[in-house]
């Protein structure tokens, strides 16, 4: 009854491991370099990556349920397909897969289209799976914090349709709930797709307004043109990745990421608590004033 977690050292994976440990899961994690990360006691560590066939076959030994998370890379689709084939080979039929919101519609954005391809494979090969489709991660705002603080500009081209940004802690807890539900079910469960969103759908100007309120000074929205965003991303990412990020931003502007009716209520019921809000996360990024001298 072991659960195998891929992506265990990332932003979602670290929270997910903690959530599963709290639930007394029989847990194995996959990591390229176990020496770089300290996992909680009792967690079995498998060394390797998703394209290391021998390592993956070893990691799948004794596993019943898989959490599959692929990083956005040039070979993401190959990683997903190879991993699911190896899972099937090992007799693993229970999966929680981290996809992306509107994966079936945003087909021009490579990592959206890739995830929809993996969703189709899960269905066509008869896996029992929960497909989690999260929106834009609130945690991404850490990358633009200094631009907001130093230049008074909210730079992400979010647009005016609105994006219901989600906290990675909520994604991880929902993934843990679904992994435990599937792992402990006496029989396989059918495929279920869940939109994973935040509680508030916010536009670019509204996000700038939140920051202005938190900082007590004007913050302007940088606008909907994603070309500057692409150029900024190209300064520290491969150019193909920066271009892909631009395509994603264009989808924010044209379509937004707007929950379906009932999405937020469903997530709140699953968690048994409110979803983390954008305002609260942003407040945690605001510098604290220095303590007054006695």
C-alpha atoms as a PDB file:
ATOM      1  CA  UNK A   1       0.000   0.000   0.000  1.00  0.00           C
ATOM      2  CA  UNK A   2       2.941   2.351  -0.616  1.00  0.00           C
ATOM      3  CA  UNK A   3       2.364   5.785  -2.171  1.00  0.00           C
ATOM      4  CA  UNK A   4       5.112   6.997  -4.517  1.00  0.00           C
ATOM      5  CA  UNK A   5       5.523  10.776  -4.718  1.00  0.00           C
ATOM      6  CA  UNK A   6       7.392  12.329  -7.635  1.00  0.00           C
ATOM      7  CA  UNK A   7       8.464  15.962  -7.491  1.00  0.00           C
ATOM      8  CA  UNK A   8       8.924  15.509  -3.756  1.00  0.00           C
ATOM      9  CA  UNK A   9      11.419  18.352  -3.282  1.00  0.00           C
ATOM     10  CA  UNK A  10       9.454  21.047  -5.104  1.00  0.00           C
ATOM     11  CA  UNK A  11       7.062  23.669  -3.798  1.00  0.00           C
ATOM     12  CA  UNK A  12       4.071  21.325  -3.822  1.00  0.00           C
ATOM     13  CA  UNK A  13       5.992  18.127  -3.120  1.00  0.00           C
ATOM     14  CA  UNK A  14       7.493  19.309   0.156  1.00  0.00           C
ATOM     15  CA  UNK A  15       4.078  20.243   1.530  1.00  0.00           C
ATOM     16  CA  UNK A  16       2.588  17.013   0.183  1.00  0.00           C
ATOM     17  CA  UNK A  17       5.180  14.841   1.930  1.00  0.00           C
ATOM     18  CA  UNK A  18       4.417  16.578   5.229  1.00  0.00           C
ATOM     19  CA  UNK A  19       0.674  16.112   4.711  1.00  0.00           C
ATOM     20  CA  UNK A  20       1.073  12.404   3.974  1.00  0.00           C
ATOM     21  CA  UNK A  21       3.371  11.856   6.960  1.00  0.00           C
ATOM     22  CA  UNK A  22       0.702  13.430   9.194  1.00  0.00           C
ATOM     23  CA  UNK A  23      -1.767  10.912   7.758  1.00  0.00           C
ATOM     24  CA  UNK A  24       0.541   7.956   8.532  1.00  0.00           C
ATOM     25  CA  UNK A  25       0.894   7.055   4.875  1.00  0.00           C
ATOM     26  CA  UNK A  26       3.309   4.335   3.788  1.00  0.00           C
ATOM     27  CA  UNK A  27       5.360   6.716   1.701  1.00  0.00           C
ATOM     28  CA  UNK A  28       8.201   6.602  -0.820  1.00  0.00           C
ATOM     29  CA  UNK A  29       9.657   9.671  -2.521  1.00  0.00           C
ATOM     30  CA  UNK A  30      11.654   9.924  -5.715  1.00  0.00           C
ATOM     31  CA  UNK A  31      14.564  12.372  -5.837  1.00  0.00           C
ATOM     32  CA  UNK A  32      17.680  12.782  -7.947  1.00  0.00           C
ATOM     33  CA  UNK A  33      19.928  13.546  -4.978  1.00  0.00           C
ATOM     34  CA  UNK A  34      18.745  12.290  -1.561  1.00  0.00           C
ATOM     35  CA  UNK A  35      21.686  14.001   0.146  1.00  0.00           C
ATOM     36  CA  UNK A  36      20.304  17.441  -0.697  1.00  0.00           C
ATOM     37  CA  UNK A  37      16.998  17.046   1.138  1.00  0.00           C
ATOM     38  CA  UNK A  38      16.140  15.767   4.606  1.00  0.00           C
ATOM     39  CA  UNK A  39      12.837  13.903   4.584  1.00  0.00           C
ATOM     40  CA  UNK A  40      10.867  13.059   7.747  1.00  0.00           C
ATOM     41  CA  UNK A  41      11.654   9.844   9.572  1.00  0.00           C
ATOM     42  CA  UNK A  42       9.948   6.801   8.113  1.00  0.00           C
ATOM     43  CA  UNK A  43       9.878   8.102   4.527  1.00  0.00           C
ATOM     44  CA  UNK A  44      11.464   5.687   2.076  1.00  0.00           C
ATOM     45  CA  UNK A  45      13.724   7.474  -0.411  1.00  0.00           C
ATOM     46  CA  UNK A  46      14.295   6.232  -3.964  1.00  0.00           C
ATOM     47  CA  UNK A  47      17.066   7.823  -6.006  1.00  0.00           C
ATOM     48  CA  UNK A  48      16.512   8.512  -9.690  1.00  0.00           C
ATOM     49  CA  UNK A  49      14.482  10.536 -12.169  1.00  0.00           C
ATOM     50  CA  UNK A  50      11.493   9.866 -14.389  1.00  0.00           C
ATOM     51  CA  UNK A  51      13.562   8.878 -17.422  1.00  0.00           C
ATOM     52  CA  UNK A  52      15.875   6.509 -15.515  1.00  0.00           C
ATOM     53  CA  UNK A  53      14.057   3.306 -16.408  1.00  0.00           C
ATOM     54  CA  UNK A  54      15.904   0.991 -14.014  1.00  0.00           C
ATOM     55  CA  UNK A  55      15.534   3.420 -11.119  1.00  0.00           C
ATOM     56  CA  UNK A  56      11.834   3.871 -11.829  1.00  0.00           C
ATOM     57  CA  UNK A  57      11.206   0.142 -11.987  1.00  0.00           C
ATOM     58  CA  UNK A  58      12.876  -0.175  -8.598  1.00  0.00           C
ATOM     59  CA  UNK A  59      10.932   2.799  -7.198  1.00  0.00           C
ATOM     60  CA  UNK A  60       7.616   1.266  -8.297  1.00  0.00           C
ATOM     61  CA  UNK A  61       8.281  -2.017  -6.467  1.00  0.00           C
ATOM     62  CA  UNK A  62       5.533  -2.485  -3.872  1.00  0.00           C
ATOM     63  CA  UNK A  63       3.752   0.734  -4.856  1.00  0.00           C
ATOM     64  CA  UNK A  64      -0.015   0.894  -5.232  1.00  0.00           C
ATOM     65  CA  UNK A  65      -0.669   4.619  -5.699  1.00  0.00           C
ATOM     66  CA  UNK A  66       1.284   7.274  -7.637  1.00  0.00           C
ATOM     67  CA  UNK A  67       1.443  11.043  -7.330  1.00  0.00           C
ATOM     68  CA  UNK A  68       2.700  12.301 -10.675  1.00  0.00           C
ATOM     69  CA  UNK A  69       4.068  15.834 -11.020  1.00  0.00           C
ATOM     70  CA  UNK A  70       6.169  16.810 -14.038  1.00  0.00           C
ATOM     71  CA  UNK A  71       8.303  19.927 -14.124  1.00  0.00           C
ATOM     72  CA  UNK A  72       7.871  22.226 -17.137  1.00  0.00           C
ATOM     73  CA  UNK A  73      10.730  20.988 -19.291  1.00  0.00           C
ATOM     74  CA  UNK A  74      11.295  20.279 -22.948  1.00  0.00           C
ATOM     75  CA  UNK A  75      10.755  16.553 -22.360  1.00  0.00           C
ATOM     76  CA  UNK A  76       7.803  16.844 -19.967  1.00  0.00           C
ATOM     77  CA  UNK A  77       5.481  14.802 -22.185  1.00  0.00           C
ATOM     78  CA  UNK A  78       8.018  11.993 -22.558  1.00  0.00           C
ATOM     79  CA  UNK A  79       8.503  11.930 -18.787  1.00  0.00           C
ATOM     80  CA  UNK A  80       4.759  11.632 -18.197  1.00  0.00           C
ATOM     81  CA  UNK A  81       4.179   8.911 -20.779  1.00  0.00           C
ATOM     82  CA  UNK A  82       7.183   6.831 -19.722  1.00  0.00           C
ATOM     83  CA  UNK A  83       6.202   7.083 -16.053  1.00  0.00           C
ATOM     84  CA  UNK A  84       2.614   6.038 -16.692  1.00  0.00           C
ATOM     85  CA  UNK A  85       3.747   3.115 -18.855  1.00  0.00           C
ATOM     86  CA  UNK A  86       6.112   1.976 -16.103  1.00  0.00           C
ATOM     87  CA  UNK A  87       3.346   2.381 -13.547  1.00  0.00           C
ATOM     88  CA  UNK A  88       1.063   0.168 -15.604  1.00  0.00           C
ATOM     89  CA  UNK A  89       3.888  -2.353 -16.028  1.00  0.00           C
ATOM     90  CA  UNK A  90       4.276  -2.465 -12.225  1.00  0.00           C
ATOM     91  CA  UNK A  91       0.542  -2.962 -11.686  1.00  0.00           C
ATOM     92  CA  UNK A  92      -0.088   0.552 -10.371  1.00  0.00           C
ATOM     93  CA  UNK A  93      -3.571   1.716 -11.338  1.00  0.00           C
ATOM     94  CA  UNK A  94      -4.275   4.441  -8.748  1.00  0.00           C
ATOM     95  CA  UNK A  95      -2.961   7.892  -9.645  1.00  0.00           C
ATOM     96  CA  UNK A  96      -3.243  11.506  -8.558  1.00  0.00           C
ATOM     97  CA  UNK A  97      -1.985  13.636 -11.441  1.00  0.00           C
ATOM     98  CA  UNK A  98      -1.111  17.316 -11.238  1.00  0.00           C
ATOM     99  CA  UNK A  99      -2.414  18.870 -14.442  1.00  0.00           C
ATOM    100  CA  UNK A 100      -3.334  22.524 -15.008  1.00  0.00           C
ATOM    101  CA  UNK A 101      -6.528  24.587 -15.178  1.00  0.00           C
ATOM    102  CA  UNK A 102      -8.111  24.583 -18.659  1.00  0.00           C
ATOM    103  CA  UNK A 103      -5.637  21.981 -19.918  1.00  0.00           C
ATOM    104  CA  UNK A 104      -8.141  20.878 -22.556  1.00  0.00           C
ATOM    105  CA  UNK A 105      -8.704  24.383 -23.934  1.00  0.00           C
ATOM    106  CA  UNK A 106      -5.350  26.184 -23.784  1.00  0.00           C
ATOM    107  CA  UNK A 107      -3.903  23.909 -26.440  1.00  0.00           C
ATOM    108  CA  UNK A 108      -1.435  26.481 -27.810  1.00  0.00           C
ATOM    109  CA  UNK A 109       0.459  26.629 -24.492  1.00  0.00           C
ATOM    110  CA  UNK A 110       2.909  23.706 -24.588  1.00  0.00           C
ATOM    111  CA  UNK A 111       2.812  22.633 -20.931  1.00  0.00           C
ATOM    112  CA  UNK A 112      -0.988  22.858 -20.909  1.00  0.00           C
ATOM    113  CA  UNK A 113      -1.271  20.715 -24.039  1.00  0.00           C
ATOM    114  CA  UNK A 114       1.231  18.217 -22.622  1.00  0.00           C
ATOM    115  CA  UNK A 115      -0.814  17.801 -19.460  1.00  0.00           C
ATOM    116  CA  UNK A 116      -3.982  17.270 -21.425  1.00  0.00           C
ATOM    117  CA  UNK A 117      -2.170  14.562 -23.375  1.00  0.00           C
ATOM    118  CA  UNK A 118      -1.293  12.812 -20.106  1.00  0.00           C
ATOM    119  CA  UNK A 119      -4.915  13.171 -18.961  1.00  0.00           C
ATOM    120  CA  UNK A 120      -6.024  11.385 -22.135  1.00  0.00           C
ATOM    121  CA  UNK A 121      -3.517   8.614 -21.517  1.00  0.00           C
ATOM    122  CA  UNK A 122      -4.866   8.107 -17.996  1.00  0.00           C
ATOM    123  CA  UNK A 123      -8.359   7.727 -19.409  1.00  0.00           C
ATOM    124  CA  UNK A 124      -7.484   5.583 -22.422  1.00  0.00           C
ATOM    125  CA  UNK A 125      -5.313   3.165 -20.420  1.00  0.00           C
ATOM    126  CA  UNK A 126      -7.955   2.651 -17.753  1.00  0.00           C
ATOM    127  CA  UNK A 127      -6.201   4.206 -14.761  1.00  0.00           C
ATOM    128  CA  UNK A 128      -8.279   5.211 -11.766  1.00  0.00           C
ATOM    129  CA  UNK A 129      -7.146   8.786 -11.244  1.00  0.00           C
ATOM    130  CA  UNK A 130      -7.827  12.112  -9.651  1.00  0.00           C
ATOM    131  CA  UNK A 131      -6.746  14.833 -12.038  1.00  0.00           C
ATOM    132  CA  UNK A 132      -6.022  18.058 -10.170  1.00  0.00           C
ATOM    133  CA  UNK A 133      -6.167  21.168 -12.351  1.00  0.00           C
ATOM    134  CA  UNK A 134      -4.691  24.088 -10.401  1.00  0.00           C
ATOM    135  CA  UNK A 135      -4.704  27.703 -11.516  1.00  0.00           C
ATOM    136  CA  UNK A 136      -1.733  30.092 -11.326  1.00  0.00           C
ATOM    137  CA  UNK A 137       0.227  29.587  -8.105  1.00  0.00           C
ATOM    138  CA  UNK A 138       0.061  32.459  -5.624  1.00  0.00           C
ATOM    139  CA  UNK A 139       3.587  31.447  -4.596  1.00  0.00           C
ATOM    140  CA  UNK A 140       4.880  32.704  -7.964  1.00  0.00           C
ATOM    141  CA  UNK A 141       4.501  36.194  -6.557  1.00  0.00           C
ATOM    142  CA  UNK A 142       7.730  35.670  -4.614  1.00  0.00           C
ATOM    143  CA  UNK A 143       9.536  36.126  -7.956  1.00  0.00           C
ATOM    144  CA  UNK A 144       8.033  39.569  -8.565  1.00  0.00           C
ATOM    145  CA  UNK A 145       8.088  40.851  -4.986  1.00  0.00           C
ATOM    146  CA  UNK A 146      11.144  43.050  -5.470  1.00  0.00           C
ATOM    147  CA  UNK A 147       9.722  44.612  -8.642  1.00  0.00           C
ATOM    148  CA  UNK A 148       6.586  45.574  -6.723  1.00  0.00           C
ATOM    149  CA  UNK A 149       8.503  46.885  -3.714  1.00  0.00           C
ATOM    150  CA  UNK A 150      11.291  48.695  -5.575  1.00  0.00           C
ATOM    151  CA  UNK A 151       9.468  50.026  -8.646  1.00  0.00           C
ATOM    152  CA  UNK A 152       5.837  50.350  -7.555  1.00  0.00           C
ATOM    153  CA  UNK A 153       4.593  48.180 -10.411  1.00  0.00           C
ATOM    154  CA  UNK A 154       2.625  44.936 -10.401  1.00  0.00           C
ATOM    155  CA  UNK A 155       4.290  43.409 -13.495  1.00  0.00           C
ATOM    156  CA  UNK A 156       2.402  40.190 -14.256  1.00  0.00           C
ATOM    157  CA  UNK A 157       0.108  40.567 -17.313  1.00  0.00           C
ATOM    158  CA  UNK A 158      -2.933  39.022 -15.635  1.00  0.00           C
ATOM    159  CA  UNK A 159      -5.522  40.978 -17.603  1.00  0.00           C
ATOM    160  CA  UNK A 160      -9.063  42.024 -16.752  1.00  0.00           C
ATOM    161  CA  UNK A 161     -10.909  38.703 -16.965  1.00  0.00           C
ATOM    162  CA  UNK A 162      -9.564  37.531 -13.612  1.00  0.00           C
ATOM    163  CA  UNK A 163      -7.426  34.708 -12.234  1.00  0.00           C
ATOM    164  CA  UNK A 164      -8.318  32.768  -9.068  1.00  0.00           C
ATOM    165  CA  UNK A 165      -4.731  32.174  -7.885  1.00  0.00           C
ATOM    166  CA  UNK A 166      -4.185  29.155  -5.629  1.00  0.00           C
ATOM    167  CA  UNK A 167      -1.799  28.566  -2.745  1.00  0.00           C
ATOM    168  CA  UNK A 168       0.494  25.539  -3.166  1.00  0.00           C
ATOM    169  CA  UNK A 169      -0.314  24.508   0.418  1.00  0.00           C
ATOM    170  CA  UNK A 170      -3.924  24.007  -0.639  1.00  0.00           C
ATOM    171  CA  UNK A 171      -2.883  22.023  -3.717  1.00  0.00           C
ATOM    172  CA  UNK A 172      -0.696  19.751  -1.579  1.00  0.00           C
ATOM    173  CA  UNK A 173      -3.373  19.112   1.034  1.00  0.00           C
ATOM    174  CA  UNK A 174      -5.975  18.309  -1.607  1.00  0.00           C
ATOM    175  CA  UNK A 175      -3.495  15.949  -3.279  1.00  0.00           C
ATOM    176  CA  UNK A 176      -2.885  14.211   0.063  1.00  0.00           C
ATOM    177  CA  UNK A 177      -6.622  13.812   0.646  1.00  0.00           C
ATOM    178  CA  UNK A 178      -7.081  12.253  -2.776  1.00  0.00           C
ATOM    179  CA  UNK A 179      -4.019  10.011  -2.501  1.00  0.00           C
ATOM    180  CA  UNK A 180      -5.229   8.606   0.806  1.00  0.00           C
ATOM    181  CA  UNK A 181      -8.771   8.165  -0.491  1.00  0.00           C
ATOM    182  CA  UNK A 182      -7.608   6.249  -3.529  1.00  0.00           C
ATOM    183  CA  UNK A 183      -4.907   4.257  -1.753  1.00  0.00           C
ATOM    184  CA  UNK A 184      -7.273   3.043   0.971  1.00  0.00           C
ATOM    185  CA  UNK A 185     -10.264   2.326  -1.240  1.00  0.00           C
ATOM    186  CA  UNK A 186     -11.022  -1.421  -1.355  1.00  0.00           C
ATOM    187  CA  UNK A 187     -11.448  -1.212  -5.117  1.00  0.00           C
ATOM    188  CA  UNK A 188     -10.304   1.145  -7.835  1.00  0.00           C
ATOM    189  CA  UNK A 189     -12.167   4.439  -8.196  1.00  0.00           C
ATOM    190  CA  UNK A 190     -13.138   6.109 -11.490  1.00  0.00           C
ATOM    191  CA  UNK A 191     -11.389   9.123 -12.987  1.00  0.00           C
ATOM    192  CA  UNK A 192     -12.348  12.442 -11.433  1.00  0.00           C
ATOM    193  CA  UNK A 193     -11.199  15.905 -12.497  1.00  0.00           C
ATOM    194  CA  UNK A 194     -11.048  18.699  -9.908  1.00  0.00           C
ATOM    195  CA  UNK A 195     -10.421  22.367 -10.616  1.00  0.00           C
ATOM    196  CA  UNK A 196      -8.127  23.685  -7.873  1.00  0.00           C
ATOM    197  CA  UNK A 197      -8.498  27.432  -7.455  1.00  0.00           C
ATOM    198  CA  UNK A 198      -8.162  30.169  -4.909  1.00  0.00           C
ATOM    199  CA  UNK A 199     -11.149  31.818  -3.204  1.00  0.00           C
ATOM    200  CA  UNK A 200     -10.967  35.139  -5.089  1.00  0.00           C
ATOM    201  CA  UNK A 201     -10.904  35.845  -8.823  1.00  0.00           C
ATOM    202  CA  UNK A 202      -8.725  38.932  -9.229  1.00  0.00           C
ATOM    203  CA  UNK A 203      -7.756  41.096 -12.203  1.00  0.00           C
ATOM    204  CA  UNK A 204      -4.397  42.754 -12.785  1.00  0.00           C
ATOM    205  CA  UNK A 205      -5.626  46.160 -11.560  1.00  0.00           C
ATOM    206  CA  UNK A 206      -7.209  44.555  -8.476  1.00  0.00           C
ATOM    207  CA  UNK A 207      -3.930  42.816  -7.618  1.00  0.00           C
ATOM    208  CA  UNK A 208      -2.099  46.145  -7.856  1.00  0.00           C
ATOM    209  CA  UNK A 209      -4.751  47.639  -5.577  1.00  0.00           C
ATOM    210  CA  UNK A 210      -4.207  44.898  -2.982  1.00  0.00           C
ATOM    211  CA  UNK A 211      -0.477  45.626  -2.939  1.00  0.00           C
ATOM    212  CA  UNK A 212      -1.124  49.357  -2.682  1.00  0.00           C
ATOM    213  CA  UNK A 213      -3.302  48.770   0.360  1.00  0.00           C
ATOM    214  CA  UNK A 214      -0.712  46.522   2.003  1.00  0.00           C
ATOM    215  CA  UNK A 215       2.180  48.909   1.345  1.00  0.00           C
ATOM    216  CA  UNK A 216       0.317  52.155   1.925  1.00  0.00           C
ATOM    217  CA  UNK A 217       1.516  53.714  -1.329  1.00  0.00           C
ATOM    218  CA  UNK A 218       0.524  53.644  -5.005  1.00  0.00           C
ATOM    219  CA  UNK A 219       1.189  50.471  -6.972  1.00  0.00           C
ATOM    220  CA  UNK A 220       0.270  50.510 -10.656  1.00  0.00           C
ATOM    221  CA  UNK A 221      -0.633  47.607 -12.910  1.00  0.00           C
ATOM    222  CA  UNK A 222       1.972  47.120 -15.635  1.00  0.00           C
ATOM    223  CA  UNK A 223      -0.593  46.343 -18.329  1.00  0.00           C
ATOM    224  CA  UNK A 224      -1.682  43.435 -20.491  1.00  0.00           C
ATOM    225  CA  UNK A 225       1.158  43.389 -23.044  1.00  0.00           C
ATOM    226  CA  UNK A 226       3.178  40.203 -22.336  1.00  0.00           C
ATOM    227  CA  UNK A 227       6.225  41.196 -24.410  1.00  0.00           C
ATOM    228  CA  UNK A 228       8.021  42.790 -21.471  1.00  0.00           C
ATOM    229  CA  UNK A 229       7.236  39.744 -19.355  1.00  0.00           C
ATOM    230  CA  UNK A 230       8.811  37.505 -21.999  1.00  0.00           C
ATOM    231  CA  UNK A 231      11.947  39.661 -22.100  1.00  0.00           C
ATOM    232  CA  UNK A 232      12.259  39.579 -18.314  1.00  0.00           C
ATOM    233  CA  UNK A 233      11.852  35.797 -18.190  1.00  0.00           C
ATOM    234  CA  UNK A 234      14.446  35.386 -20.957  1.00  0.00           C
ATOM    235  CA  UNK A 235      16.975  37.019 -18.660  1.00  0.00           C
ATOM    236  CA  UNK A 236      17.143  33.933 -16.440  1.00  0.00           C
ATOM    237  CA  UNK A 237      15.240  31.186 -18.297  1.00  0.00           C
ATOM    238  CA  UNK A 238      15.837  29.523 -21.680  1.00  0.00           C
ATOM    239  CA  UNK A 239      14.252  31.565 -24.443  1.00  0.00           C
ATOM    240  CA  UNK A 240      11.827  28.800 -25.357  1.00  0.00           C
ATOM    241  CA  UNK A 241      10.608  28.734 -21.747  1.00  0.00           C
ATOM    242  CA  UNK A 242      10.253  32.522 -21.686  1.00  0.00           C
ATOM    243  CA  UNK A 243       8.201  32.338 -24.883  1.00  0.00           C
ATOM    244  CA  UNK A 244       6.018  29.620 -23.385  1.00  0.00           C
ATOM    245  CA  UNK A 245       5.445  31.826 -20.338  1.00  0.00           C
ATOM    246  CA  UNK A 246       4.361  34.588 -22.705  1.00  0.00           C
ATOM    247  CA  UNK A 247       1.841  32.266 -24.349  1.00  0.00           C
ATOM    248  CA  UNK A 248       0.502  31.377 -20.900  1.00  0.00           C
ATOM    249  CA  UNK A 249       0.201  35.075 -19.986  1.00  0.00           C
ATOM    250  CA  UNK A 250      -1.712  35.709 -23.207  1.00  0.00           C
ATOM    251  CA  UNK A 251      -4.237  33.128 -22.035  1.00  0.00           C
ATOM    252  CA  UNK A 252      -4.622  34.973 -18.734  1.00  0.00           C
ATOM    253  CA  UNK A 253      -5.444  38.132 -20.662  1.00  0.00           C
ATOM    254  CA  UNK A 254      -7.796  36.508 -23.185  1.00  0.00           C
ATOM    255  CA  UNK A 255      -9.548  33.933 -20.981  1.00  0.00           C
ATOM    256  CA  UNK A 256      -8.504  34.376 -17.365  1.00  0.00           C
ATOM    257  CA  UNK A 257      -8.651  31.457 -14.930  1.00  0.00           C
ATOM    258  CA  UNK A 258     -12.170  31.644 -13.604  1.00  0.00           C
ATOM    259  CA  UNK A 259     -13.629  28.907 -11.376  1.00  0.00           C
ATOM    260  CA  UNK A 260     -16.727  27.033 -12.434  1.00  0.00           C
ATOM    261  CA  UNK A 261     -19.806  27.456 -10.225  1.00  0.00           C
ATOM    262  CA  UNK A 262     -19.340  25.309  -7.131  1.00  0.00           C
ATOM    263  CA  UNK A 263     -15.550  24.901  -7.440  1.00  0.00           C
ATOM    264  CA  UNK A 264     -14.657  26.990  -4.392  1.00  0.00           C
ATOM    265  CA  UNK A 265     -17.397  25.439  -2.248  1.00  0.00           C
ATOM    266  CA  UNK A 266     -16.256  21.949  -3.226  1.00  0.00           C
ATOM    267  CA  UNK A 267     -12.629  22.638  -2.323  1.00  0.00           C
ATOM    268  CA  UNK A 268     -13.600  24.256   0.960  1.00  0.00           C
ATOM    269  CA  UNK A 269     -15.692  21.204   1.855  1.00  0.00           C
ATOM    270  CA  UNK A 270     -12.849  18.825   0.970  1.00  0.00           C
ATOM    271  CA  UNK A 271     -10.366  20.750   3.132  1.00  0.00           C
ATOM    272  CA  UNK A 272     -12.789  21.477   5.947  1.00  0.00           C
ATOM    273  CA  UNK A 273     -11.453  25.051   6.081  1.00  0.00           C
ATOM    274  CA  UNK A 274     -11.280  28.181   3.919  1.00  0.00           C
ATOM    275  CA  UNK A 275      -8.816  28.351   1.057  1.00  0.00           C
ATOM    276  CA  UNK A 276      -5.749  30.523   1.548  1.00  0.00           C
ATOM    277  CA  UNK A 277      -6.312  33.998   0.112  1.00  0.00           C
ATOM    278  CA  UNK A 278      -4.094  36.094  -2.126  1.00  0.00           C
ATOM    279  CA  UNK A 279      -4.203  39.055   0.251  1.00  0.00           C
ATOM    280  CA  UNK A 280      -2.976  36.986   3.207  1.00  0.00           C
ATOM    281  CA  UNK A 281      -0.110  35.501   1.186  1.00  0.00           C
ATOM    282  CA  UNK A 282       0.911  38.899  -0.174  1.00  0.00           C
ATOM    283  CA  UNK A 283       0.820  40.343   3.349  1.00  0.00           C
ATOM    284  CA  UNK A 284       3.458  37.791   4.310  1.00  0.00           C
ATOM    285  CA  UNK A 285       5.766  39.201   1.618  1.00  0.00           C
ATOM    286  CA  UNK A 286       5.564  42.774   2.892  1.00  0.00           C
ATOM    287  CA  UNK A 287       8.681  43.797   4.815  1.00  0.00           C
ATOM    288  CA  UNK A 288       8.130  44.262   8.539  1.00  0.00           C
ATOM    289  CA  UNK A 289       8.986  47.671   9.970  1.00  0.00           C
ATOM    290  CA  UNK A 290      12.116  47.699  12.157  1.00  0.00           C
ATOM    291  CA  UNK A 291      11.503  47.311  15.850  1.00  0.00           C
ATOM    292  CA  UNK A 292      11.557  50.568  17.773  1.00  0.00           C
ATOM    293  CA  UNK A 293      14.574  51.148  19.983  1.00  0.00           C
ATOM    294  CA  UNK A 294      13.918  51.182  23.724  1.00  0.00           C
END
